[in-house]
Amino acid sequence: MPDAPQRPESAATAAGRVADAVANHWVDTAAPHFARPYLQLSRIDRPIGTWLLLLPCWWGGLLAVAADPAGAGWYDLWIGLGCAAGAVLMRGAGCTWNDITDREIDASVSRTRSRPLPSGRVSLRQALIWMALQAVLAFGILLSFPPLAIALGIGSLGLVAIYPFAKRFTWWPQVFLGLAFNWGALLAYAAHAGRVDAAAGLLYLSGIAWTLFYDTIYAHQDREDDALIGIGSTALLFGRRTHVALLVCGVLSVGLMVAAIWLAFGGGAFWPLGLALCGVALFAVHLLWQLRRLDIDRPDICLRLFRANRDAGLVVALFLAGAALL
């Protein structure tokens, strides 16, 4: 009799890949074999998460520069580059920590059992060492920022540590992810402005609402497994009301972003303000497009729309950069 066909996640594990990674990524085709499990722990083969962590940093830094162009300088370029390197490293450290805490849960979920820890390609000790190395390198970059930004960076560690456990005690783990993933908006704003004011706070809240939007879409891929295991998510909480709930999240995100930009500009600087608000308008259109395309019963569509949020966030960053240049 012919062998039974392997399920996608089983085939991925056998080939040393992760089931939901980007197809034919360089991690799986060009990286040294010994390094692949560690790069997979850091989600280098799934770069969308790095983008979603980085973009609020760029939003915050660019908003601070656009509101205070006289204070702009070459150091602001380093803030942007430092945030990019830090996002890669801290996302890697955070994902490694997430996989350490979730290794037993991941072994029970079809989409995640091919990850390095549940598949046995990395030991717990090796994962802990890898997490510490990434965190130390990220801390080295953070030390090049002003004192308030350093303090904010250190303060974010509590959110990073708590997030993996949130789904065990709440239906709202996406809120905890939003608190952690958008902290960079405050940090980068403070790195330029030397303070955290109402505009930065509103931008942070806007990012949290955006995270609720895109990570609920992502969570719909796992809702059946999550229900069986007994862990919470907004995908399970919202259920068939997801479209309405996401519309509310989108409206909140756009409204808070408009308020943040308006406060930062003080209602003046007509052309830069108008350009920044055009970016928010296009961001809103992108979210509406996602809602029209969303089918919560199609994991492939959910993953595609989740990844599309990189483009939504980049639109805001590009228009804020234009406003800063004006």
Protein backbone atom coordinates (compact mmCIF):
# COMPACT_ATOMS: atom_id res chain seq x y z
CA MET A 1 0.00 0.00 0.00
CA PRO A 2 1.28 3.54 -0.72
CA ASP A 3 2.29 5.68 2.21
CA ALA A 4 -0.34 8.08 3.52
CA PRO A 5 0.30 11.66 2.38
CA GLN A 6 1.96 13.88 4.96
CA ARG A 7 0.09 16.85 6.34
CA PRO A 8 1.70 20.24 5.49
CA GLU A 9 3.01 20.74 9.01
CA SER A 10 4.47 17.21 9.11
CA ALA A 11 6.19 17.72 5.78
CA ALA A 12 7.56 21.05 7.01
CA THR A 13 8.98 19.49 10.15
CA ALA A 14 10.61 16.70 8.16
CA ALA A 15 12.22 19.26 5.85
CA GLY A 16 13.38 21.50 8.73
CA ARG A 17 10.92 24.27 7.81
CA VAL A 18 8.10 26.00 9.70
CA ALA A 19 4.61 25.42 8.28
CA ASP A 20 3.46 29.05 8.08
CA ALA A 21 6.77 30.64 7.03
CA VAL A 22 7.25 32.50 3.76
CA ALA A 23 7.73 29.97 0.97
CA ASN A 24 11.31 29.55 -0.31
CA HIS A 25 12.65 32.09 2.15
CA TRP A 26 16.44 32.47 2.22
CA VAL A 27 16.48 31.04 5.76
CA ASP A 28 15.36 27.69 4.34
CA THR A 29 17.42 27.83 1.15
CA ALA A 30 20.66 29.74 1.82
CA ALA A 31 21.31 29.97 5.57
CA PRO A 32 23.75 27.44 7.11
CA HIS A 33 21.89 24.39 8.39
CA PHE A 34 23.08 24.87 11.98
CA ALA A 35 21.68 28.43 12.00
CA ARG A 36 18.26 27.74 10.53
CA PRO A 37 16.45 26.67 13.74
CA TYR A 38 17.70 29.80 15.53
CA LEU A 39 16.67 32.10 12.69
CA GLN A 40 13.28 30.38 12.71
CA LEU A 41 13.00 30.94 16.47
CA SER A 42 13.53 34.64 15.76
CA ARG A 43 10.92 34.53 12.96
CA ILE A 44 13.44 35.81 10.41
CA ASP A 45 11.57 33.64 7.89
CA ARG A 46 8.37 35.53 8.77
CA PRO A 47 9.41 39.19 8.50
CA ILE A 48 5.92 40.66 8.79
CA GLY A 49 6.16 40.70 12.59
CA THR A 50 9.36 42.73 12.46
CA TRP A 51 7.64 45.27 10.21
CA LEU A 52 4.66 45.50 12.58
CA LEU A 53 7.02 46.13 15.49
CA LEU A 54 9.16 48.63 13.57
CA LEU A 55 6.46 50.75 11.94
CA PRO A 56 5.09 52.31 15.16
CA CYS A 57 8.70 53.27 16.00
CA TRP A 58 8.99 55.08 12.69
CA TRP A 59 5.57 56.67 13.19
CA GLY A 60 6.65 58.06 16.56
CA GLY A 61 10.03 59.30 15.40
CA LEU A 62 8.68 60.87 12.22
CA LEU A 63 5.76 62.52 14.02
CA ALA A 64 8.20 64.08 16.50
CA VAL A 65 10.40 65.37 13.66
CA ALA A 66 7.45 66.66 11.63
CA ALA A 67 6.15 68.56 14.66
CA ASP A 68 9.61 69.98 15.47
CA PRO A 69 11.55 70.29 12.19
CA ALA A 70 13.95 72.85 13.71
CA GLY A 71 15.23 70.16 16.04
CA ALA A 72 15.84 67.62 13.28
CA GLY A 73 19.33 66.40 12.50
CA TRP A 74 21.45 63.47 11.41
CA TYR A 75 20.85 61.79 14.77
CA ASP A 76 17.23 61.26 13.73
CA LEU A 77 18.48 59.05 10.91
CA TRP A 78 20.25 56.93 13.52
CA ILE A 79 17.04 56.76 15.55
CA GLY A 80 15.30 55.25 12.53
CA LEU A 81 18.13 52.82 11.76
CA GLY A 82 18.61 51.92 15.42
CA CYS A 83 14.91 51.19 15.74
CA ALA A 84 15.12 48.94 12.68
CA ALA A 85 18.01 46.91 14.09
CA GLY A 86 16.38 46.86 17.51
CA ALA A 87 13.10 45.65 16.04
CA VAL A 88 14.83 42.68 14.43
CA LEU A 89 16.64 41.78 17.63
CA MET A 90 13.83 42.40 20.12
CA ARG A 91 11.25 40.72 17.95
CA GLY A 92 13.63 37.78 17.75
CA ALA A 93 14.15 37.73 21.51
CA GLY A 94 10.42 38.14 22.16
CA CYS A 95 9.47 35.37 19.73
CA THR A 96 12.06 33.07 21.28
CA TRP A 97 10.58 33.80 24.71
CA ASN A 98 7.09 33.21 23.32
CA ASP A 99 8.16 29.83 21.92
CA ILE A 100 9.82 28.87 25.21
CA THR A 101 6.66 29.56 27.21
CA ASP A 102 4.35 28.06 24.55
CA ARG A 103 6.38 24.99 23.62
CA GLU A 104 3.77 22.54 24.95
CA ILE A 105 0.85 24.46 23.44
CA ASP A 106 2.66 24.74 20.10
CA ALA A 107 3.07 20.98 20.01
CA SER A 108 -0.73 20.67 20.13
CA VAL A 109 -1.51 23.15 17.32
CA SER A 110 -1.15 22.01 13.72
CA ARG A 111 0.19 25.36 12.47
CA THR A 112 2.92 25.61 15.13
CA ARG A 113 4.11 22.09 15.88
CA SER A 114 6.81 22.42 13.20
CA ARG A 115 8.52 25.24 15.13
CA PRO A 116 12.06 24.49 16.36
CA LEU A 117 11.25 23.82 20.03
CA PRO A 118 8.19 21.53 19.73
CA SER A 119 9.81 19.71 16.79
CA GLY A 120 12.95 19.07 18.88
CA ARG A 121 15.44 20.84 16.61
CA VAL A 122 16.45 23.21 19.42
CA SER A 123 16.72 22.44 23.13
CA LEU A 124 15.28 24.64 25.87
CA ARG A 125 18.79 25.60 27.02
CA GLN A 126 19.85 26.58 23.51
CA ALA A 127 16.71 28.69 23.09
CA LEU A 128 17.36 30.52 26.37
CA ILE A 129 20.95 31.32 25.36
CA TRP A 130 19.79 32.55 21.94
CA MET A 131 17.14 34.77 23.54
CA ALA A 132 19.70 36.30 25.93
CA LEU A 133 22.18 37.00 23.11
CA GLN A 134 19.58 38.89 21.08
CA ALA A 135 18.43 40.88 24.11
CA VAL A 136 22.00 41.92 24.99
CA LEU A 137 22.66 43.13 21.43
CA ALA A 138 19.40 45.09 21.43
CA PHE A 139 20.32 46.67 24.77
CA GLY A 140 23.62 47.81 23.26
CA ILE A 141 21.70 49.71 20.57
CA LEU A 142 19.30 51.15 23.15
CA LEU A 143 22.23 52.64 25.09
CA SER A 144 22.93 54.95 22.13
CA PHE A 145 19.57 56.70 22.71
CA PRO A 146 18.80 59.52 25.20
CA PRO A 147 18.06 58.62 28.86
CA LEU A 148 14.25 58.81 28.63
CA ALA A 149 14.24 56.49 25.60
CA ILE A 150 16.54 54.07 27.43
CA ALA A 151 14.19 54.05 30.41
CA LEU A 152 11.21 53.41 28.15
CA GLY A 153 13.06 50.58 26.42
CA ILE A 154 13.82 48.91 29.74
CA GLY A 155 10.21 49.44 30.82
CA SER A 156 8.93 47.53 27.81
CA LEU A 157 10.50 44.29 29.06
CA GLY A 158 7.63 43.71 31.47
CA LEU A 159 5.12 43.78 28.62
CA VAL A 160 7.26 41.42 26.55
CA ALA A 161 7.51 39.00 29.47
CA ILE A 162 3.77 39.00 30.22
CA TYR A 163 2.39 38.72 26.69
CA PRO A 164 2.87 34.94 26.13
CA PHE A 165 0.85 34.21 29.27
CA ALA A 166 -2.05 36.57 28.46
CA LYS A 167 -4.01 34.01 26.45
CA ARG A 168 -4.09 31.78 29.53
CA PHE A 169 -6.09 34.25 31.64
CA THR A 170 -7.92 36.61 29.24
CA TRP A 171 -9.85 36.70 25.98
CA TRP A 172 -7.81 39.79 25.06
CA PRO A 173 -4.19 38.69 24.48
CA GLN A 174 -4.18 40.93 21.40
CA VAL A 175 -4.39 43.96 23.72
CA PHE A 176 -1.23 42.81 25.51
CA LEU A 177 0.46 42.33 22.14
CA GLY A 178 -0.59 45.86 21.19
CA LEU A 179 0.81 47.29 24.41
CA ALA A 180 4.18 45.67 23.67
CA PHE A 181 4.34 46.05 19.89
CA ASN A 182 3.52 49.78 19.84
CA TRP A 183 5.77 50.82 22.72
CA GLY A 184 8.33 51.88 20.13
CA ALA A 185 6.11 54.81 19.15
CA LEU A 186 6.69 56.31 22.61
CA LEU A 187 10.37 55.38 22.61
CA ALA A 188 11.21 56.88 19.21
CA TYR A 189 9.14 60.00 19.90
CA ALA A 190 11.02 60.48 23.16
CA ALA A 191 14.37 59.85 21.44
CA HIS A 192 13.82 62.96 19.30
CA ALA A 193 11.61 65.17 21.49
CA GLY A 194 13.06 64.30 24.90
CA ARG A 195 9.56 63.88 26.30
CA VAL A 196 6.36 61.85 25.94
CA ASP A 197 3.34 64.12 25.48
CA ALA A 198 -0.33 63.71 24.58
CA ALA A 199 0.39 63.38 20.84
CA ALA A 200 2.74 60.46 21.48
CA GLY A 201 0.20 58.85 23.83
CA LEU A 202 -2.61 59.11 21.28
CA LEU A 203 -0.38 57.62 18.58
CA TYR A 204 0.42 54.74 20.95
CA LEU A 205 -3.28 54.09 21.56
CA SER A 206 -3.92 54.23 17.81
CA GLY A 207 -1.31 51.54 17.30
CA ILE A 208 -2.90 49.33 19.96
CA ALA A 209 -6.26 49.53 18.18
CA TRP A 210 -4.49 48.68 14.91
CA THR A 211 -2.85 45.65 16.54
CA LEU A 212 -6.26 44.48 17.74
CA PHE A 213 -7.42 44.76 14.14
CA TYR A 214 -4.65 42.79 12.44
CA ASP A 215 -3.92 40.25 15.16
CA THR A 216 -7.57 39.27 15.45
CA ILE A 217 -7.43 38.47 11.74
CA TYR A 218 -4.29 36.42 12.37
CA ALA A 219 -5.85 34.60 15.34
CA HIS A 220 -8.71 33.30 13.23
CA GLN A 221 -6.24 30.82 11.73
CA ASP A 222 -6.00 29.05 15.10
CA ARG A 223 -9.41 29.56 16.65
CA GLU A 224 -10.46 25.89 16.50
CA ASP A 225 -7.20 24.70 18.05
CA ASP A 226 -7.35 27.49 20.65
CA ALA A 227 -10.88 26.48 21.62
CA LEU A 228 -9.85 22.83 22.04
CA ILE A 229 -6.80 23.73 24.13
CA GLY A 230 -8.75 26.25 26.22
CA ILE A 231 -6.82 29.46 25.54
CA GLY A 232 -8.34 32.83 24.73
CA SER A 233 -8.20 35.19 21.77
CA THR A 234 -10.27 38.01 20.35
CA ALA A 235 -10.97 35.76 17.36
CA LEU A 236 -12.88 33.42 19.69
CA LEU A 237 -14.41 36.31 21.64
CA PHE A 238 -15.70 38.16 18.57
CA GLY A 239 -16.65 35.07 16.56
CA ARG A 240 -19.20 35.90 13.87
CA ARG A 241 -19.21 39.53 15.03
CA THR A 242 -15.59 39.91 13.95
CA HIS A 243 -16.30 42.27 11.07
CA VAL A 244 -18.23 44.67 13.31
CA ALA A 245 -15.58 44.49 16.05
CA LEU A 246 -12.78 45.12 13.57
CA LEU A 247 -14.64 48.07 12.11
CA VAL A 248 -14.73 49.59 15.61
CA CYS A 249 -11.00 48.90 16.02
CA GLY A 250 -10.26 50.51 12.68
CA VAL A 251 -12.32 53.61 13.45
CA LEU A 252 -10.57 53.95 16.81
CA SER A 253 -7.14 53.58 15.26
CA VAL A 254 -7.80 56.15 12.54
CA GLY A 255 -9.50 58.61 14.90
CA LEU A 256 -6.72 58.45 17.49
CA MET A 257 -4.08 58.84 14.77
CA VAL A 258 -5.80 61.95 13.42
CA ALA A 259 -5.95 63.39 16.94
CA ALA A 260 -2.25 62.62 17.52
CA ILE A 261 -1.20 64.34 14.29
CA TRP A 262 -3.45 67.35 14.93
CA LEU A 263 -2.02 67.82 18.42
CA ALA A 264 1.57 67.39 17.25
CA PHE A 265 1.16 70.08 14.59
CA GLY A 266 -0.94 72.32 16.82
CA GLY A 267 -3.44 72.73 13.98
CA GLY A 268 -0.90 74.75 11.98
CA ALA A 269 1.63 74.03 9.20
CA PHE A 270 -1.12 73.54 6.62
CA TRP A 271 0.75 71.59 3.94
CA PRO A 272 2.68 69.19 6.21
CA LEU A 273 -0.45 68.61 8.29
CA GLY A 274 -2.52 67.97 5.17
CA LEU A 275 0.06 65.52 3.83
CA ALA A 276 0.17 63.60 7.10
CA LEU A 277 -3.64 63.40 7.20
CA CYS A 278 -3.68 62.13 3.60
CA GLY A 279 -1.55 59.23 4.80
CA VAL A 280 -4.08 58.48 7.52
CA ALA A 281 -6.89 58.57 4.94
CA LEU A 282 -5.10 55.99 2.79
CA PHE A 283 -4.47 53.91 5.92
CA ALA A 284 -8.23 53.96 6.59
CA VAL A 285 -8.98 52.90 3.01
CA HIS A 286 -6.56 49.98 3.38
CA LEU A 287 -8.28 48.79 6.56
CA LEU A 288 -11.68 48.97 4.84
CA TRP A 289 -10.28 46.97 1.92
CA GLN A 290 -9.11 44.30 4.36
CA LEU A 291 -12.56 44.12 5.96
CA ARG A 292 -14.20 43.64 2.56
CA ARG A 293 -11.82 40.81 1.70
CA LEU A 294 -11.88 39.09 5.09
CA ASP A 295 -13.31 35.57 5.32
CA ILE A 296 -12.71 34.28 8.84
CA ASP A 297 -13.26 30.70 7.67
CA ARG A 298 -10.35 30.91 5.18
CA PRO A 299 -6.97 30.70 6.98
CA ASP A 300 -5.12 31.49 3.75
CA ILE A 301 -7.03 34.77 3.35
CA CYS A 302 -6.52 35.60 7.03
CA LEU A 303 -2.76 35.15 6.70
CA ARG A 304 -2.63 37.17 3.48
CA LEU A 305 -4.58 40.07 4.98
CA PHE A 306 -2.52 39.99 8.17
CA ARG A 307 0.65 40.34 6.12
CA ALA A 308 -0.92 43.18 4.10
CA ASN A 309 -0.80 45.38 7.20
CA ARG A 310 2.84 46.07 6.49
CA ASP A 311 1.69 48.14 3.52
CA ALA A 312 -0.97 49.90 5.59
CA GLY A 313 1.60 50.95 8.17
CA LEU A 314 4.18 51.92 5.56
CA VAL A 315 1.71 54.35 3.98
CA VAL A 316 1.45 56.25 7.27
CA ALA A 317 5.25 56.25 7.70
CA LEU A 318 5.88 57.50 4.16
CA PHE A 319 3.39 60.37 4.44
CA LEU A 320 4.76 61.36 7.86
CA ALA A 321 8.22 61.37 6.29
CA GLY A 322 6.91 63.67 3.57
CA ALA A 323 5.38 65.95 6.18
CA ALA A 324 8.71 66.04 8.04
CA LEU A 325 10.53 67.01 4.84
CA LEU A 326 8.03 69.78 4.12
